[in-house]
Amino acid sequence: MTLVDLRSGELRPGAVASAPPAVALLLHGFGSNERDLAGLMPALDLALPWASLRAPLPAGPGSAWFQITAPGSPDAAPVEAATTAIWAWVDEHLDAATRVVPIGFSQGGLMATQLLRTRPERVLAPVVLGGFVLGAPQPADEQLATSRPPTFWGRGAEDRVIAAHAVARTAEWLPRHTDLVERVYPGLAHGISADELADVRAFLAGSLRQ
C-alpha cells in the first residue's frame, strides 16, 4: 500500500519501487483524505500496484483538489493547477512508461477526467464515481473525440450533492469523448455501493486486458 501526501511529495513506507506497466491512482473527494478510498481495493481485486494521493488544499477535516465556489461549476484555473500537481507527482514517482488508472470519487472523479483530458497517452480506463467533468475545454478533448478510450461513470440516482447541471454536462461530454460504461444505481445517494464496486471490477478486468 502506498499513501502519498501531495503537499510534501514524499512517498510513505510501502511505495512502489519497480516500474510496472500501470498503477491505479486513487483520488478522494472534497474534505476527505488519502485513506478514504484505500478500503475499495480488496473489492476491486486489481493485479496492479496502487497509490492514493492526498489533495493539496485544506478543507474541513481533510483536503480538497480545489475549493468549492459555484457547486458543479468550478473555476478552471484551480482545477487545472491541481491537475498539474498530480502529473508532477506521477512524473516524479513513476516510470515514464508506466500508465495510470485513475479511480476518483466526487471531486476526485473530476480529477480522473482531468488526467484523461490532459495526457490521455498516460491514462488507462479512468473510473469516475459520483463525479463530473469540468466545463472548460481541455488540451486533449479533440483527440479524445477520436480515440474514445474506455471510461466508467457510476453515480447514485439519489445523489443530491453533485449539481444537476454538472451531471447533465457530464452526460453530454463523456459519450462524445469516451467509450462510456455508465451506471446509475437506484436508491444510492452520494456514495459507493457494493453493486457499483462489482461493476467497476468487471469494467477494469475487461479494459485492462485489452
Protein backbone atom coordinates (compact mmCIF):
# COMPACT_ATOMS: atom_id res chain seq x y z
CA MET A 1 0.00 0.00 0.00
CA THR A 2 1.21 3.46 -0.88
CA LEU A 3 -0.14 6.53 0.87
CA VAL A 4 1.03 9.81 -0.55
CA ASP A 5 0.83 13.35 0.75
CA LEU A 6 0.74 15.50 -2.38
CA ARG A 7 1.68 18.57 -0.34
CA SER A 8 5.01 17.09 0.65
CA GLY A 9 5.51 14.88 -2.37
CA GLU A 10 7.03 12.19 -0.18
CA LEU A 11 6.21 8.52 -0.54
CA ARG A 12 5.40 6.79 2.70
CA PRO A 13 6.64 3.25 3.52
CA GLY A 14 5.43 0.62 1.09
CA ALA A 15 5.99 2.73 -2.02
CA VAL A 16 6.16 1.02 -5.39
CA ALA A 17 9.83 0.97 -6.38
CA SER A 18 9.71 -1.03 -9.63
CA ALA A 19 8.34 0.09 -12.98
CA PRO A 20 5.02 -1.71 -13.54
CA PRO A 21 3.09 -1.15 -16.79
CA ALA A 22 0.26 0.56 -14.88
CA VAL A 23 -0.53 1.89 -11.41
CA ALA A 24 -4.01 2.56 -10.02
CA LEU A 25 -4.24 6.13 -8.73
CA LEU A 26 -6.87 6.78 -6.05
CA LEU A 27 -8.28 10.31 -5.87
CA HIS A 28 -10.50 11.14 -2.90
CA GLY A 29 -13.37 13.61 -2.63
CA PHE A 30 -13.74 17.03 -1.02
CA GLY A 31 -12.91 17.15 2.70
CA SER A 32 -11.54 13.61 2.77
CA ASN A 33 -8.00 12.20 2.67
CA GLU A 34 -5.77 9.60 1.06
CA ARG A 35 -7.07 6.80 3.28
CA ASP A 36 -10.67 7.17 2.15
CA LEU A 37 -10.62 5.01 -1.00
CA ALA A 38 -7.98 2.55 0.15
CA GLY A 39 -10.67 0.23 1.51
CA LEU A 40 -12.06 -0.26 -2.00
CA MET A 41 -9.01 -2.06 -3.31
CA PRO A 42 -9.75 -5.57 -1.97
CA ALA A 43 -13.18 -5.49 -3.64
CA LEU A 44 -11.67 -4.41 -6.96
CA ASP A 45 -9.09 -7.22 -6.85
CA LEU A 46 -6.70 -5.43 -9.18
CA ALA A 47 -3.44 -7.10 -10.09
CA LEU A 48 -1.82 -3.67 -10.03
CA PRO A 49 0.16 -1.63 -7.53
CA TRP A 50 -1.66 1.47 -6.39
CA ALA A 51 -1.12 4.85 -4.84
CA SER A 52 -3.58 7.08 -3.02
CA LEU A 53 -2.95 10.81 -3.17
CA ARG A 54 -3.91 13.44 -0.65
CA ALA A 55 -5.27 16.59 -2.32
CA PRO A 56 -3.16 19.74 -1.84
CA LEU A 57 -5.64 22.14 -0.20
CA PRO A 58 -7.02 22.02 3.37
CA ALA A 59 -10.80 21.55 3.51
CA GLY A 60 -12.64 20.93 6.78
CA PRO A 61 -11.34 17.75 8.40
CA GLY A 62 -9.47 16.75 5.25
CA SER A 63 -8.29 18.09 1.93
CA ALA A 64 -9.60 19.23 -1.44
CA TRP A 65 -8.35 19.36 -5.01
CA PHE A 66 -9.99 22.76 -5.38
CA GLN A 67 -12.24 24.92 -3.24
CA ILE A 68 -15.97 24.94 -3.96
CA THR A 69 -17.17 28.29 -5.25
CA ALA A 70 -20.14 27.59 -7.55
CA PRO A 71 -21.25 23.97 -6.94
CA GLY A 72 -20.90 21.95 -10.13
CA SER A 73 -19.16 24.79 -11.98
CA PRO A 74 -15.67 25.20 -10.52
CA ASP A 75 -13.30 27.81 -11.89
CA ALA A 76 -10.97 26.24 -14.41
CA ALA A 77 -7.70 27.68 -13.05
CA PRO A 78 -7.60 25.89 -9.67
CA VAL A 79 -8.76 22.62 -11.22
CA GLU A 80 -6.03 22.86 -13.83
CA ALA A 81 -3.48 23.68 -11.10
CA ALA A 82 -4.49 20.52 -9.23
CA THR A 83 -4.19 18.55 -12.47
CA THR A 84 -0.67 19.85 -12.95
CA ALA A 85 0.19 18.89 -9.36
CA ILE A 86 -0.98 15.30 -9.88
CA TRP A 87 1.03 14.99 -13.08
CA ALA A 88 4.07 16.39 -11.29
CA TRP A 89 3.75 13.60 -8.72
CA VAL A 90 3.34 10.99 -11.46
CA ASP A 91 6.39 12.28 -13.33
CA GLU A 92 8.48 12.29 -10.16
CA HIS A 93 7.49 8.92 -8.72
CA LEU A 94 6.50 6.67 -11.64
CA ASP A 95 8.49 5.45 -14.58
CA ALA A 96 7.83 7.32 -17.83
CA ALA A 97 6.45 4.13 -19.38
CA THR A 98 4.00 3.45 -16.52
CA ARG A 99 0.42 4.44 -17.18
CA VAL A 100 -2.13 5.39 -14.55
CA VAL A 101 -5.60 4.01 -13.91
CA PRO A 102 -7.32 6.90 -12.11
CA ILE A 103 -10.15 5.95 -9.75
CA GLY A 104 -11.80 9.04 -8.30
CA PHE A 105 -14.79 9.81 -6.14
CA SER A 106 -16.71 13.12 -6.31
CA GLN A 107 -14.05 15.85 -6.74
CA GLY A 108 -11.59 13.03 -7.30
CA GLY A 109 -13.80 11.79 -10.12
CA LEU A 110 -13.47 15.15 -11.80
CA MET A 111 -9.69 14.91 -11.36
CA ALA A 112 -9.74 11.47 -13.00
CA THR A 113 -11.35 13.03 -16.07
CA GLN A 114 -8.81 15.86 -15.95
CA LEU A 115 -5.95 13.40 -16.22
CA LEU A 116 -7.65 11.87 -19.24
CA ARG A 117 -8.31 15.26 -20.82
CA THR A 118 -4.73 16.47 -20.47
CA ARG A 119 -2.42 13.48 -21.06
CA PRO A 120 -4.54 10.62 -22.39
CA GLU A 121 -1.47 8.67 -23.53
CA ARG A 122 -0.62 8.10 -19.83
CA VAL A 123 -4.16 7.11 -18.78
CA LEU A 124 -5.93 3.75 -18.84
CA ALA A 125 -9.61 3.08 -18.12
CA PRO A 126 -10.50 6.01 -15.83
CA VAL A 127 -13.20 5.38 -13.22
CA VAL A 128 -15.47 8.26 -12.19
CA LEU A 129 -17.59 7.61 -9.08
CA GLY A 130 -20.15 10.27 -8.26
CA GLY A 131 -18.10 12.82 -10.19
CA PHE A 132 -18.42 15.14 -13.15
CA VAL A 133 -16.38 16.92 -15.83
CA LEU A 134 -15.05 20.47 -15.93
CA GLY A 135 -16.96 22.79 -18.23
CA ALA A 136 -13.85 24.43 -19.69
CA PRO A 137 -12.20 22.91 -22.78
CA GLN A 138 -9.04 20.89 -22.09
CA PRO A 139 -5.99 20.19 -24.26
CA ALA A 140 -6.82 16.64 -25.35
CA ASP A 141 -10.58 16.98 -25.90
CA GLU A 142 -10.31 16.88 -29.68
CA GLN A 143 -8.03 13.84 -29.57
CA LEU A 144 -10.40 12.01 -27.21
CA ALA A 145 -13.35 12.58 -29.53
CA THR A 146 -11.50 10.35 -32.00
CA SER A 147 -9.75 7.83 -29.74
CA ARG A 148 -12.69 7.33 -27.33
CA PRO A 149 -10.93 5.39 -24.53
CA PRO A 150 -12.97 3.15 -22.20
CA THR A 151 -14.30 5.05 -19.20
CA PHE A 152 -16.59 4.12 -16.31
CA TRP A 153 -19.04 6.63 -14.81
CA GLY A 154 -21.20 5.49 -11.91
CA ARG A 155 -23.49 7.59 -9.75
CA GLY A 156 -26.38 7.28 -7.35
CA ALA A 157 -29.89 8.02 -8.57
CA GLU A 158 -30.49 9.88 -5.29
CA ASP A 159 -27.25 11.88 -5.33
CA ARG A 160 -28.12 15.47 -4.35
CA VAL A 161 -24.51 16.60 -3.79
CA ILE A 162 -23.44 16.91 -7.42
CA ALA A 163 -25.40 19.72 -9.07
CA ALA A 164 -27.90 18.63 -11.70
CA HIS A 165 -26.33 20.85 -14.36
CA ALA A 166 -22.94 19.23 -13.73
CA VAL A 167 -24.47 15.77 -14.18
CA ALA A 168 -26.14 16.93 -17.41
CA ARG A 169 -22.86 18.36 -18.70
CA THR A 170 -21.07 15.10 -17.92
CA ALA A 171 -23.82 13.02 -19.53
CA GLU A 172 -23.27 15.03 -22.71
CA TRP A 173 -19.47 15.15 -22.69
CA LEU A 174 -18.48 11.59 -21.77
CA PRO A 175 -20.36 9.73 -24.56
CA ARG A 176 -18.85 12.09 -27.13
CA HIS A 177 -15.28 11.62 -25.97
CA THR A 178 -15.07 8.11 -24.49
CA ASP A 179 -16.29 4.56 -24.91
CA LEU A 180 -18.52 5.04 -21.89
CA VAL A 181 -19.84 2.48 -19.46
CA GLU A 182 -22.46 4.41 -17.48
CA ARG A 183 -24.32 3.06 -14.48
CA VAL A 184 -26.95 4.74 -12.29
CA TYR A 185 -27.79 3.00 -9.02
CA PRO A 186 -31.35 3.24 -7.66
CA GLY A 187 -31.54 4.28 -4.02
CA LEU A 188 -27.88 5.31 -3.85
CA ALA A 189 -27.08 8.85 -2.70
CA HIS A 190 -23.59 10.40 -2.82
CA GLY A 191 -21.67 7.27 -2.06
CA ILE A 192 -20.35 3.99 -3.45
CA SER A 193 -22.31 0.75 -3.29
CA ALA A 194 -21.33 -2.91 -3.45
CA ASP A 195 -23.11 -3.19 -6.81
CA GLU A 196 -21.09 -0.29 -8.14
CA LEU A 197 -17.82 -1.84 -6.98
CA ALA A 198 -18.76 -5.08 -8.71
CA ASP A 199 -19.40 -3.16 -11.93
CA VAL A 200 -16.09 -1.29 -11.60
CA ARG A 201 -14.27 -4.56 -11.04
CA ALA A 202 -15.79 -6.04 -14.19
CA PHE A 203 -15.04 -2.88 -16.18
CA LEU A 204 -11.41 -2.79 -15.13
CA ALA A 205 -10.93 -6.51 -15.65
CA GLY A 206 -12.15 -6.16 -19.22
CA SER A 207 -10.48 -2.86 -20.04
CA LEU A 208 -7.06 -3.74 -18.66
CA ARG A 209 -6.96 -6.98 -20.67
CA GLN A 210 -7.21 -5.06 -23.96
